[in-house]
Amino acid sequence: QVELVESGGGLVQPGGSLRLSCTASGRIFSIFTMGWFRQAPGKQRELVATVTGAGIPKYADLVKGRFTITKDDAKNTVHLQMDSLKAEDTAVYYCWRFQSGMDYWGQGTQVTVSS
């Protein structure tokens, strides 16, 4: 079993920045993909950014150039630096980890971009 604990959501003005973090614990393996999805009201959950255990990142087109995903292997933690935030980035952000053929999800953290 793997547990994911998220932190860093909140309210920010348009153009501002936030940093999300997600720490994994439990049966952790070195071969994995980890990252973030988001879900806005009335919309489907969508991929934001992921990173593999080898450090290869992937970004949704909507966030390329504004968001950066990094990982800290020593702490089993993934960070999502979100810059130049827009109102349309408002959503619940979910941490996700895939390993050994299984998906694991965090409980979600709210990000609200509003003036």
PDB file of N, CA and C in Angstrom:
ATOM      1  N   GLN A   1       0.839  -1.194   0.000  1.00  0.00           N
ATOM      2  CA  GLN A   1       0.000   0.000   0.000  1.00  0.00           C
ATOM      3  C   GLN A   1       0.882   1.254   0.000  1.00  0.00           C
ATOM      4  N   VAL A   2       0.425   2.270  -0.706  1.00  0.00           N
ATOM      5  CA  VAL A   2       1.150   3.536  -0.798  1.00  0.00           C
ATOM      6  C   VAL A   2       0.221   4.654  -0.357  1.00  0.00           C
ATOM      7  N   GLU A   3       0.725   5.537   0.478  1.00  0.00           N
ATOM      8  CA  GLU A   3      -0.041   6.707   0.901  1.00  0.00           C
ATOM      9  C   GLU A   3       0.602   7.961   0.324  1.00  0.00           C
ATOM     10  N   LEU A   4      -0.231   8.864  -0.166  1.00  0.00           N
ATOM     11  CA  LEU A   4       0.235  10.123  -0.732  1.00  0.00           C
ATOM     12  C   LEU A   4      -0.343  11.271   0.088  1.00  0.00           C
ATOM     13  N   VAL A   5       0.522  12.155   0.551  1.00  0.00           N
ATOM     14  CA  VAL A   5       0.094  13.300   1.347  1.00  0.00           C
ATOM     15  C   VAL A   5       0.506  14.574   0.616  1.00  0.00           C
ATOM     16  N   GLU A   6      -0.495  15.413   0.331  1.00  0.00           N
ATOM     17  CA  GLU A   6      -0.280  16.635  -0.438  1.00  0.00           C
ATOM     18  C   GLU A   6      -0.241  17.843   0.486  1.00  0.00           C
ATOM     19  N   SER A   7       0.412  18.894   0.027  1.00  0.00           N
ATOM     20  CA  SER A   7       0.413  20.167   0.736  1.00  0.00           C
ATOM     21  C   SER A   7       0.681  21.285  -0.258  1.00  0.00           C
ATOM     22  N   GLY A   8       0.316  22.517   0.138  1.00  0.00           N
ATOM     23  CA  GLY A   8       0.706  23.682  -0.640  1.00  0.00           C
ATOM     24  C   GLY A   8      -0.388  24.378  -1.415  1.00  0.00           C
ATOM     25  N   GLY A   9      -1.605  23.905  -1.381  1.00  0.00           N
ATOM     26  CA  GLY A   9      -2.675  24.586  -2.093  1.00  0.00           C
ATOM     27  C   GLY A   9      -3.057  25.875  -1.396  1.00  0.00           C
ATOM     28  N   GLY A  10      -3.985  26.616  -2.018  1.00  0.00           N
ATOM     29  CA  GLY A  10      -4.450  27.844  -1.401  1.00  0.00           C
ATOM     30  C   GLY A  10      -5.000  28.826  -2.414  1.00  0.00           C
ATOM     31  N   LEU A  11      -5.131  30.068  -1.964  1.00  0.00           N
ATOM     32  CA  LEU A  11      -5.672  31.159  -2.786  1.00  0.00           C
ATOM     33  C   LEU A  11      -4.534  32.065  -3.242  1.00  0.00           C
ATOM     34  N   VAL A  12      -4.516  32.381  -4.528  1.00  0.00           N
ATOM     35  CA  VAL A  12      -3.481  33.247  -5.069  1.00  0.00           C
ATOM     36  C   VAL A  12      -4.080  34.131  -6.144  1.00  0.00           C
ATOM     37  N   GLN A  13      -3.524  35.303  -6.319  1.00  0.00           N
ATOM     38  CA  GLN A  13      -4.011  36.218  -7.344  1.00  0.00           C
ATOM     39  C   GLN A  13      -3.482  35.801  -8.728  1.00  0.00           C
ATOM     40  N   PRO A  14      -4.185  36.175  -9.769  1.00  0.00           N
ATOM     41  CA  PRO A  14      -3.687  35.888 -11.130  1.00  0.00           C
ATOM     42  C   PRO A  14      -2.274  36.452 -11.310  1.00  0.00           C
ATOM     43  N   GLY A  15      -1.431  35.643 -11.943  1.00  0.00           N
ATOM     44  CA  GLY A  15      -0.035  36.024 -12.121  1.00  0.00           C
ATOM     45  C   GLY A  15       0.868  35.568 -10.997  1.00  0.00           C
ATOM     46  N   GLY A  16       0.270  35.090  -9.909  1.00  0.00           N
ATOM     47  CA  GLY A  16       1.047  34.654  -8.765  1.00  0.00           C
ATOM     48  C   GLY A  16       1.574  33.236  -8.890  1.00  0.00           C
ATOM     49  N   SER A  17       2.176  32.767  -7.803  1.00  0.00           N
ATOM     50  CA  SER A  17       2.802  31.445  -7.793  1.00  0.00           C
ATOM     51  C   SER A  17       2.368  30.649  -6.573  1.00  0.00           C
ATOM     52  N   LEU A  18       2.378  29.335  -6.741  1.00  0.00           N
ATOM     53  CA  LEU A  18       2.162  28.391  -5.649  1.00  0.00           C
ATOM     54  C   LEU A  18       3.056  27.189  -5.884  1.00  0.00           C
ATOM     55  N   ARG A  19       3.386  26.521  -4.796  1.00  0.00           N
ATOM     56  CA  ARG A  19       4.179  25.295  -4.902  1.00  0.00           C
ATOM     57  C   ARG A  19       3.453  24.179  -4.181  1.00  0.00           C
ATOM     58  N   LEU A  20       3.134  23.126  -4.915  1.00  0.00           N
ATOM     59  CA  LEU A  20       2.510  21.947  -4.340  1.00  0.00           C
ATOM     60  C   LEU A  20       3.570  20.882  -4.078  1.00  0.00           C
ATOM     61  N   SER A  21       3.369  20.143  -3.005  1.00  0.00           N
ATOM     62  CA  SER A  21       4.268  19.037  -2.687  1.00  0.00           C
ATOM     63  C   SER A  21       3.451  17.788  -2.398  1.00  0.00           C
ATOM     64  N   CYS A  22       4.028  16.651  -2.711  1.00  0.00           N
ATOM     65  CA  CYS A  22       3.373  15.368  -2.451  1.00  0.00           C
ATOM     66  C   CYS A  22       4.431  14.372  -1.996  1.00  0.00           C
ATOM     67  N   THR A  23       4.208  13.790  -0.823  1.00  0.00           N
ATOM     68  CA  THR A  23       5.142  12.818  -0.265  1.00  0.00           C
ATOM     69  C   THR A  23       4.511  11.440  -0.233  1.00  0.00           C
ATOM     70  N   ALA A  24       5.235  10.479  -0.748  1.00  0.00           N
ATOM     71  CA  ALA A  24       4.770   9.097  -0.764  1.00  0.00           C
ATOM     72  C   ALA A  24       5.397   8.313   0.379  1.00  0.00           C
ATOM     73  N   SER A  25       4.603   7.405   0.957  1.00  0.00           N
ATOM     74  CA  SER A  25       5.107   6.526   2.010  1.00  0.00           C
ATOM     75  C   SER A  25       4.497   5.150   1.832  1.00  0.00           C
ATOM     76  N   GLY A  26       5.073   4.181   2.524  1.00  0.00           N
ATOM     77  CA  GLY A  26       4.582   2.810   2.402  1.00  0.00           C
ATOM     78  C   GLY A  26       5.500   1.974   1.539  1.00  0.00           C
ATOM     79  N   ARG A  27       4.896   1.107   0.680  1.00  0.00           N
ATOM     80  CA  ARG A  27       5.688   0.221  -0.184  1.00  0.00           C
ATOM     81  C   ARG A  27       6.157   0.991  -1.425  1.00  0.00           C
ATOM     82  N   ILE A  28       7.292   1.662  -1.264  1.00  0.00           N
ATOM     83  CA  ILE A  28       7.831   2.521  -2.313  1.00  0.00           C
ATOM     84  C   ILE A  28       8.852   1.761  -3.140  1.00  0.00           C
ATOM     85  N   PHE A  29       8.694   1.816  -4.466  1.00  0.00           N
ATOM     86  CA  PHE A  29       9.645   1.203  -5.373  1.00  0.00           C
ATOM     87  C   PHE A  29      10.310   2.290  -6.208  1.00  0.00           C
ATOM     88  N   SER A  30      11.489   1.963  -6.721  1.00  0.00           N
ATOM     89  CA  SER A  30      12.264   2.973  -7.456  1.00  0.00           C
ATOM     90  C   SER A  30      11.773   3.168  -8.885  1.00  0.00           C
ATOM     91  N   ILE A  31      10.992   2.209  -9.384  1.00  0.00           N
ATOM     92  CA  ILE A  31      10.436   2.359 -10.728  1.00  0.00           C
ATOM     93  C   ILE A  31       8.996   2.851 -10.577  1.00  0.00           C
ATOM     94  N   PHE A  32       8.755   4.088 -11.000  1.00  0.00           N
ATOM     95  CA  PHE A  32       7.443   4.680 -10.795  1.00  0.00           C
ATOM     96  C   PHE A  32       7.275   5.871 -11.718  1.00  0.00           C
ATOM     97  N   THR A  33       6.047   6.338 -11.802  1.00  0.00           N
ATOM     98  CA  THR A  33       5.723   7.648 -12.355  1.00  0.00           C
ATOM     99  C   THR A  33       4.857   8.351 -11.332  1.00  0.00           C
ATOM    100  N   MET A  34       5.138   9.617 -11.124  1.00  0.00           N
ATOM    101  CA  MET A  34       4.431  10.364 -10.081  1.00  0.00           C
ATOM    102  C   MET A  34       4.139  11.752 -10.600  1.00  0.00           C
ATOM    103  N   GLY A  35       3.031  12.325 -10.159  1.00  0.00           N
ATOM    104  CA  GLY A  35       2.732  13.664 -10.642  1.00  0.00           C
ATOM    105  C   GLY A  35       1.409  14.180 -10.156  1.00  0.00           C
ATOM    106  N   TRP A  36       0.821  15.056 -10.978  1.00  0.00           N
ATOM    107  CA  TRP A  36      -0.387  15.774 -10.586  1.00  0.00           C
ATOM    108  C   TRP A  36      -1.428  15.761 -11.696  1.00  0.00           C
ATOM    109  N   PHE A  37      -2.673  15.574 -11.266  1.00  0.00           N
ATOM    110  CA  PHE A  37      -3.848  15.780 -12.098  1.00  0.00           C
ATOM    111  C   PHE A  37      -4.665  16.878 -11.433  1.00  0.00           C
ATOM    112  N   ARG A  38      -5.614  17.414 -12.164  1.00  0.00           N
ATOM    113  CA  ARG A  38      -6.507  18.406 -11.565  1.00  0.00           C
ATOM    114  C   ARG A  38      -7.915  18.230 -12.105  1.00  0.00           C
ATOM    115  N   GLN A  39      -8.870  18.695 -11.286  1.00  0.00           N
ATOM    116  CA  GLN A  39     -10.268  18.614 -11.682  1.00  0.00           C
ATOM    117  C   GLN A  39     -10.984  19.885 -11.273  1.00  0.00           C
ATOM    118  N   ALA A  40     -11.484  20.598 -12.261  1.00  0.00           N
ATOM    119  CA  ALA A  40     -12.259  21.811 -12.021  1.00  0.00           C
ATOM    120  C   ALA A  40     -13.740  21.428 -11.941  1.00  0.00           C
ATOM    121  N   PRO A  41     -14.555  22.257 -11.307  1.00  0.00           N
ATOM    122  CA  PRO A  41     -15.990  21.958 -11.191  1.00  0.00           C
ATOM    123  C   PRO A  41     -16.635  21.728 -12.550  1.00  0.00           C
ATOM    124  N   GLY A  42     -17.353  20.626 -12.671  1.00  0.00           N
ATOM    125  CA  GLY A  42     -18.053  20.325 -13.908  1.00  0.00           C
ATOM    126  C   GLY A  42     -17.181  19.792 -15.025  1.00  0.00           C
ATOM    127  N   LYS A  43     -15.902  19.548 -14.742  1.00  0.00           N
ATOM    128  CA  LYS A  43     -14.990  19.068 -15.775  1.00  0.00           C
ATOM    129  C   LYS A  43     -14.371  17.742 -15.363  1.00  0.00           C
ATOM    130  N   GLN A  44     -13.814  17.048 -16.351  1.00  0.00           N
ATOM    131  CA  GLN A  44     -13.146  15.785 -16.068  1.00  0.00           C
ATOM    132  C   GLN A  44     -11.763  16.040 -15.483  1.00  0.00           C
ATOM    133  N   ARG A  45     -11.268  15.060 -14.753  1.00  0.00           N
ATOM    134  CA  ARG A  45      -9.916  15.135 -14.224  1.00  0.00           C
ATOM    135  C   ARG A  45      -8.935  15.088 -15.396  1.00  0.00           C
ATOM    136  N   GLU A  46      -7.917  15.961 -15.346  1.00  0.00           N
ATOM    137  CA  GLU A  46      -6.954  16.037 -16.428  1.00  0.00           C
ATOM    138  C   GLU A  46      -5.521  16.031 -15.911  1.00  0.00           C
ATOM    139  N   LEU A  47      -4.639  15.515 -16.748  1.00  0.00           N
ATOM    140  CA  LEU A  47      -3.227  15.483 -16.388  1.00  0.00           C
ATOM    141  C   LEU A  47      -2.646  16.883 -16.382  1.00  0.00           C
ATOM    142  N   VAL A  48      -1.806  17.158 -15.377  1.00  0.00           N
ATOM    143  CA  VAL A  48      -1.097  18.431 -15.313  1.00  0.00           C
ATOM    144  C   VAL A  48       0.379  18.218 -15.653  1.00  0.00           C
ATOM    145  N   ALA A  49       1.023  17.377 -14.851  1.00  0.00           N
ATOM    146  CA  ALA A  49       2.447  17.113 -15.061  1.00  0.00           C
ATOM    147  C   ALA A  49       2.818  15.835 -14.337  1.00  0.00           C
ATOM    148  N   THR A  50       3.747  15.077 -14.923  1.00  0.00           N
ATOM    149  CA  THR A  50       4.256  13.873 -14.282  1.00  0.00           C
ATOM    150  C   THR A  50       5.775  13.803 -14.440  1.00  0.00           C
ATOM    151  N   VAL A  51       6.380  12.972 -13.616  1.00  0.00           N
ATOM    152  CA  VAL A  51       7.815  12.727 -13.723  1.00  0.00           C
ATOM    153  C   VAL A  51       8.070  11.257 -13.420  1.00  0.00           C
ATOM    154  N   THR A  52       8.950  10.644 -14.183  1.00  0.00           N
ATOM    155  CA  THR A  52       9.263   9.243 -13.946  1.00  0.00           C
ATOM    156  C   THR A  52      10.363   9.119 -12.900  1.00  0.00           C
ATOM    157  N   GLY A  53      10.573   7.894 -12.438  1.00  0.00           N
ATOM    158  CA  GLY A  53      11.657   7.652 -11.497  1.00  0.00           C
ATOM    159  C   GLY A  53      13.014   7.999 -12.086  1.00  0.00           C
ATOM    160  N   ALA A  54      13.101   7.961 -13.412  1.00  0.00           N
ATOM    161  CA  ALA A  54      14.349   8.322 -14.089  1.00  0.00           C
ATOM    162  C   ALA A  54      14.480   9.828 -14.288  1.00  0.00           C
ATOM    163  N   GLY A  55      13.444  10.573 -13.878  1.00  0.00           N
ATOM    164  CA  GLY A  55      13.517  12.028 -13.952  1.00  0.00           C
ATOM    165  C   GLY A  55      13.007  12.642 -15.229  1.00  0.00           C
ATOM    166  N   ILE A  56      12.239  11.900 -16.009  1.00  0.00           N
ATOM    167  CA  ILE A  56      11.718  12.431 -17.266  1.00  0.00           C
ATOM    168  C   ILE A  56      10.358  13.094 -17.020  1.00  0.00           C
ATOM    169  N   PRO A  57      10.259  14.398 -17.274  1.00  0.00           N
ATOM    170  CA  PRO A  57       8.998  15.098 -17.030  1.00  0.00           C
ATOM    171  C   PRO A  57       8.083  15.084 -18.252  1.00  0.00           C
ATOM    172  N   LYS A  58       6.810  15.302 -17.960  1.00  0.00           N
ATOM    173  CA  LYS A  58       5.804  15.430 -19.007  1.00  0.00           C
ATOM    174  C   LYS A  58       4.810  16.478 -18.544  1.00  0.00           C
ATOM    175  N   TYR A  59       4.417  17.373 -19.451  1.00  0.00           N
ATOM    176  CA  TYR A  59       3.503  18.455 -19.099  1.00  0.00           C
ATOM    177  C   TYR A  59       2.315  18.509 -20.044  1.00  0.00           C
ATOM    178  N   ALA A  60       1.174  18.902 -19.497  1.00  0.00           N
ATOM    179  CA  ALA A  60       0.039  19.219 -20.349  1.00  0.00           C
ATOM    180  C   ALA A  60       0.361  20.504 -21.113  1.00  0.00           C
ATOM    181  N   ASP A  61      -0.150  20.624 -22.326  1.00  0.00           N
ATOM    182  CA  ASP A  61       0.130  21.810 -23.144  1.00  0.00           C
ATOM    183  C   ASP A  61      -0.283  23.094 -22.435  1.00  0.00           C
ATOM    184  N   LEU A  62      -1.367  23.036 -21.666  1.00  0.00           N
ATOM    185  CA  LEU A  62      -1.898  24.238 -21.017  1.00  0.00           C
ATOM    186  C   LEU A  62      -0.963  24.799 -19.953  1.00  0.00           C
ATOM    187  N   VAL A  63      -0.041  23.982 -19.446  1.00  0.00           N
ATOM    188  CA  VAL A  63       0.824  24.456 -18.356  1.00  0.00           C
ATOM    189  C   VAL A  63       2.292  24.534 -18.758  1.00  0.00           C
ATOM    190  N   LYS A  64       2.635  24.119 -19.955  1.00  0.00           N
ATOM    191  CA  LYS A  64       4.030  24.164 -20.400  1.00  0.00           C
ATOM    192  C   LYS A  64       4.573  25.584 -20.335  1.00  0.00           C
ATOM    193  N   GLY A  65       5.767  25.715 -19.775  1.00  0.00           N
ATOM    194  CA  GLY A  65       6.388  27.027 -19.650  1.00  0.00           C
ATOM    195  C   GLY A  65       5.984  27.783 -18.401  1.00  0.00           C
ATOM    196  N   ARG A  66       4.957  27.298 -17.690  1.00  0.00           N
ATOM    197  CA  ARG A  66       4.504  27.966 -16.475  1.00  0.00           C
ATOM    198  C   ARG A  66       4.699  27.085 -15.237  1.00  0.00           C
ATOM    199  N   PHE A  67       4.545  25.781 -15.395  1.00  0.00           N
ATOM    200  CA  PHE A  67       4.668  24.846 -14.280  1.00  0.00           C
ATOM    201  C   PHE A  67       5.950  24.034 -14.443  1.00  0.00           C
ATOM    202  N   THR A  68       6.546  23.685 -13.300  1.00  0.00           N
ATOM    203  CA  THR A  68       7.747  22.851 -13.302  1.00  0.00           C
ATOM    204  C   THR A  68       7.599  21.755 -12.252  1.00  0.00           C
ATOM    205  N   ILE A  69       7.816  20.520 -12.679  1.00  0.00           N
ATOM    206  CA  ILE A  69       7.738  19.397 -11.742  1.00  0.00           C
ATOM    207  C   ILE A  69       9.149  18.904 -11.452  1.00  0.00           C
ATOM    208  N   THR A  70       9.406  18.679 -10.165  1.00  0.00           N
ATOM    209  CA  THR A  70      10.697  18.149  -9.729  1.00  0.00           C
ATOM    210  C   THR A  70      10.463  17.057  -8.698  1.00  0.00           C
ATOM    211  N   LYS A  71      11.503  16.257  -8.451  1.00  0.00           N
ATOM    212  CA  LYS A  71      11.372  15.203  -7.453  1.00  0.00           C
ATOM    213  C   LYS A  71      12.573  15.175  -6.540  1.00  0.00           C
ATOM    214  N   ASP A  72      12.323  14.756  -5.318  1.00  0.00           N
ATOM    215  CA  ASP A  72      13.360  14.590  -4.309  1.00  0.00           C
ATOM    216  C   ASP A  72      13.321  13.131  -3.882  1.00  0.00           C
ATOM    217  N   ASP A  73      14.211  12.327  -4.438  1.00  0.00           N
ATOM    218  CA  ASP A  73      14.167  10.890  -4.175  1.00  0.00           C
ATOM    219  C   ASP A  73      14.432  10.556  -2.713  1.00  0.00           C
ATOM    220  N   ALA A  74      15.270  11.330  -2.087  1.00  0.00           N
ATOM    221  CA  ALA A  74      15.603  11.055  -0.680  1.00  0.00           C
ATOM    222  C   ALA A  74      14.381  11.179   0.223  1.00  0.00           C
ATOM    223  N   LYS A  75      13.437  12.036  -0.192  1.00  0.00           N
ATOM    224  CA  LYS A  75      12.242  12.271   0.616  1.00  0.00           C
ATOM    225  C   LYS A  75      10.989  11.674  -0.019  1.00  0.00           C
ATOM    226  N   ASN A  76      11.153  10.949  -1.141  1.00  0.00           N
ATOM    227  CA  ASN A  76       9.999  10.378  -1.861  1.00  0.00           C
ATOM    228  C   ASN A  76       8.946  11.443  -2.134  1.00  0.00           C
ATOM    229  N   THR A  77       9.406  12.608  -2.523  1.00  0.00           N
ATOM    230  CA  THR A  77       8.531  13.771  -2.678  1.00  0.00           C
ATOM    231  C   THR A  77       8.635  14.332  -4.088  1.00  0.00           C
ATOM    232  N   VAL A  78       7.492  14.777  -4.593  1.00  0.00           N
ATOM    233  CA  VAL A  78       7.416  15.472  -5.865  1.00  0.00           C
ATOM    234  C   VAL A  78       6.862  16.875  -5.614  1.00  0.00           C
ATOM    235  N   HIS A  79       7.464  17.851  -6.258  1.00  0.00           N
ATOM    236  CA  HIS A  79       7.015  19.237  -6.135  1.00  0.00           C
ATOM    237  C   HIS A  79       6.483  19.724  -7.477  1.00  0.00           C
ATOM    238  N   LEU A  80       5.472  20.578  -7.416  1.00  0.00           N
ATOM    239  CA  LEU A  80       4.963  21.226  -8.616  1.00  0.00           C
ATOM    240  C   LEU A  80       5.013  22.733  -8.381  1.00  0.00           C
ATOM    241  N   GLN A  81       5.950  23.393  -9.026  1.00  0.00           N
ATOM    242  CA  GLN A  81       6.050  24.845  -8.962  1.00  0.00           C
ATOM    243  C   GLN A  81       5.146  25.436 -10.030  1.00  0.00           C
ATOM    244  N   MET A  82       4.183  26.232  -9.596  1.00  0.00           N
ATOM    245  CA  MET A  82       3.205  26.805 -10.521  1.00  0.00           C
ATOM    246  C   MET A  82       3.385  28.314 -10.554  1.00  0.00           C
ATOM    247  N   ASP A  83       3.789  28.838 -11.678  1.00  0.00           N
ATOM    248  CA  ASP A  83       4.006  30.266 -11.864  1.00  0.00           C
ATOM    249  C   ASP A  83       3.032  30.827 -12.897  1.00  0.00           C
ATOM    250  N   SER A  84       2.906  32.135 -12.912  1.00  0.00           N
ATOM    251  CA  SER A  84       2.014  32.812 -13.872  1.00  0.00           C
ATOM    252  C   SER A  84       0.626  32.174 -13.860  1.00  0.00           C
ATOM    253  N   LEU A  85       0.104  31.978 -12.668  1.00  0.00           N
ATOM    254  CA  LEU A  85      -1.181  31.301 -12.537  1.00  0.00           C
ATOM    255  C   LEU A  85      -2.318  32.118 -13.131  1.00  0.00           C
ATOM    256  N   LYS A  86      -3.274  31.389 -13.694  1.00  0.00           N
ATOM    257  CA  LYS A  86      -4.437  32.001 -14.331  1.00  0.00           C
ATOM    258  C   LYS A  86      -5.703  31.504 -13.635  1.00  0.00           C
ATOM    259  N   ALA A  87      -6.787  32.239 -13.825  1.00  0.00           N
ATOM    260  CA  ALA A  87      -8.057  31.840 -13.220  1.00  0.00           C
ATOM    261  C   ALA A  87      -8.443  30.422 -13.648  1.00  0.00           C
ATOM    262  N   GLU A  88      -8.122  30.068 -14.876  1.00  0.00           N
ATOM    263  CA  GLU A  88      -8.487  28.736 -15.373  1.00  0.00           C
ATOM    264  C   GLU A  88      -7.646  27.610 -14.780  1.00  0.00           C
ATOM    265  N   ASP A  89      -6.649  27.954 -13.974  1.00  0.00           N
ATOM    266  CA  ASP A  89      -5.894  26.929 -13.246  1.00  0.00           C
ATOM    267  C   ASP A  89      -6.608  26.516 -11.953  1.00  0.00           C
ATOM    268  N   THR A  90      -7.685  27.215 -11.622  1.00  0.00           N
ATOM    269  CA  THR A  90      -8.441  26.887 -10.417  1.00  0.00           C
ATOM    270  C   THR A  90      -9.013  25.485 -10.518  1.00  0.00           C
ATOM    271  N   ALA A  91      -8.718  24.664  -9.514  1.00  0.00           N
ATOM    272  CA  ALA A  91      -9.150  23.271  -9.520  1.00  0.00           C
ATOM    273  C   ALA A  91      -8.688  22.602  -8.227  1.00  0.00           C
ATOM    274  N   VAL A  92      -9.172  21.389  -8.018  1.00  0.00           N
ATOM    275  CA  VAL A  92      -8.596  20.528  -6.995  1.00  0.00           C
ATOM    276  C   VAL A  92      -7.465  19.756  -7.665  1.00  0.00           C
ATOM    277  N   TYR A  93      -6.299  19.827  -7.079  1.00  0.00           N
ATOM    278  CA  TYR A  93      -5.119  19.165  -7.622  1.00  0.00           C
ATOM    279  C   TYR A  93      -4.874  17.869  -6.844  1.00  0.00           C
ATOM    280  N   TYR A  94      -4.739  16.773  -7.589  1.00  0.00           N
ATOM    281  CA  TYR A  94      -4.566  15.458  -6.991  1.00  0.00           C
ATOM    282  C   TYR A  94      -3.168  14.933  -7.294  1.00  0.00           C
ATOM    283  N   CYS A  95      -2.496  14.465  -6.276  1.00  0.00           N
ATOM    284  CA  CYS A  95      -1.228  13.775  -6.466  1.00  0.00           C
ATOM    285  C   CYS A  95      -1.503  12.345  -6.926  1.00  0.00           C
ATOM    286  N   TRP A  96      -0.659  11.840  -7.790  1.00  0.00           N
ATOM    287  CA  TRP A  96      -0.847  10.510  -8.368  1.00  0.00           C
ATOM    288  C   TRP A  96       0.503   9.804  -8.444  1.00  0.00           C
ATOM    289  N   ARG A  97       0.473   8.510  -8.177  1.00  0.00           N
ATOM    290  CA  ARG A  97       1.670   7.684  -8.309  1.00  0.00           C
ATOM    291  C   ARG A  97       1.279   6.367  -8.969  1.00  0.00           C
ATOM    292  N   PHE A  98       2.091   5.942  -9.916  1.00  0.00           N
ATOM    293  CA  PHE A  98       1.873   4.667 -10.588  1.00  0.00           C
ATOM    294  C   PHE A  98       3.109   3.804 -10.381  1.00  0.00           C
ATOM    295  N   GLN A  99       2.930   2.613  -9.808  1.00  0.00           N
ATOM    296  CA  GLN A  99       4.022   1.677  -9.635  1.00  0.00           C
ATOM    297  C   GLN A  99       3.469   0.265  -9.557  1.00  0.00           C
ATOM    298  N   SER A 100       4.207  -0.689 -10.053  1.00  0.00           N
ATOM    299  CA  SER A 100       3.824  -2.097 -10.009  1.00  0.00           C
ATOM    300  C   SER A 100       2.417  -2.327 -10.537  1.00  0.00           C
ATOM    301  N   GLY A 101       2.043  -1.577 -11.571  1.00  0.00           N
ATOM    302  CA  GLY A 101       0.753  -1.766 -12.205  1.00  0.00           C
ATOM    303  C   GLY A 101      -0.433  -1.192 -11.472  1.00  0.00           C
ATOM    304  N   MET A 102      -0.182  -0.386 -10.455  1.00  0.00           N
ATOM    305  CA  MET A 102      -1.291   0.157  -9.662  1.00  0.00           C
ATOM    306  C   MET A 102      -1.218   1.686  -9.580  1.00  0.00           C
ATOM    307  N   ASP A 103      -2.419   2.278  -9.538  1.00  0.00           N
ATOM    308  CA  ASP A 103      -2.539   3.718  -9.377  1.00  0.00           C
ATOM    309  C   ASP A 103      -2.845   4.055  -7.916  1.00  0.00           C
ATOM    310  N   TYR A 104      -2.208   5.091  -7.446  1.00  0.00           N
ATOM    311  CA  TYR A 104      -2.467   5.602  -6.100  1.00  0.00           C
ATOM    312  C   TYR A 104      -2.769   7.095  -6.202  1.00  0.00           C
ATOM    313  N   TRP A 105      -3.715   7.546  -5.366  1.00  0.00           N
ATOM    314  CA  TRP A 105      -4.150   8.941  -5.421  1.00  0.00           C
ATOM    315  C   TRP A 105      -4.113   9.575  -4.047  1.00  0.00           C
ATOM    316  N   GLY A 106      -3.769  10.871  -4.041  1.00  0.00           N
ATOM    317  CA  GLY A 106      -3.905  11.643  -2.830  1.00  0.00           C
ATOM    318  C   GLY A 106      -5.336  12.133  -2.687  1.00  0.00           C
ATOM    319  N   GLN A 107      -5.616  12.818  -1.595  1.00  0.00           N
ATOM    320  CA  GLN A 107      -6.982  13.279  -1.320  1.00  0.00           C
ATOM    321  C   GLN A 107      -7.320  14.576  -2.049  1.00  0.00           C
ATOM    322  N   GLY A 108      -6.312  15.270  -2.538  1.00  0.00           N
ATOM    323  CA  GLY A 108      -6.555  16.489  -3.296  1.00  0.00           C
ATOM    324  C   GLY A 108      -6.327  17.738  -2.466  1.00  0.00           C
ATOM    325  N   THR A 109      -5.880  18.787  -3.136  1.00  0.00           N
ATOM    326  CA  THR A 109      -5.686  20.079  -2.490  1.00  0.00           C
ATOM    327  C   THR A 109      -6.236  21.167  -3.413  1.00  0.00           C
ATOM    328  N   GLN A 110      -6.967  22.103  -2.818  1.00  0.00           N
ATOM    329  CA  GLN A 110      -7.634  23.127  -3.620  1.00  0.00           C
ATOM    330  C   GLN A 110      -6.657  24.240  -3.989  1.00  0.00           C
ATOM    331  N   VAL A 111      -6.671  24.596  -5.263  1.00  0.00           N
ATOM    332  CA  VAL A 111      -5.932  25.762  -5.757  1.00  0.00           C
ATOM    333  C   VAL A 111      -6.955  26.711  -6.357  1.00  0.00           C
ATOM    334  N   THR A 112      -7.001  27.928  -5.834  1.00  0.00           N
ATOM    335  CA  THR A 112      -7.935  28.935  -6.333  1.00  0.00           C
ATOM    336  C   THR A 112      -7.150  30.157  -6.789  1.00  0.00           C
ATOM    337  N   VAL A 113      -7.347  30.532  -8.039  1.00  0.00           N
ATOM    338  CA  VAL A 113      -6.675  31.701  -8.599  1.00  0.00           C
ATOM    339  C   VAL A 113      -7.744  32.766  -8.844  1.00  0.00           C
ATOM    340  N   SER A 114      -7.699  33.815  -8.027  1.00  0.00           N
ATOM    341  CA  SER A 114      -8.743  34.839  -8.093  1.00  0.00           C
ATOM    342  C   SER A 114      -8.231  36.136  -7.509  1.00  0.00           C
ATOM    343  N   SER A 115      -8.738  37.232  -8.050  1.00  0.00           N
ATOM    344  CA  SER A 115      -8.385  38.545  -7.502  1.00  0.00           C
ATOM    345  C   SER A 115      -9.420  38.981  -6.472  1.00  0.00           C
TER     346      SER A 115
END
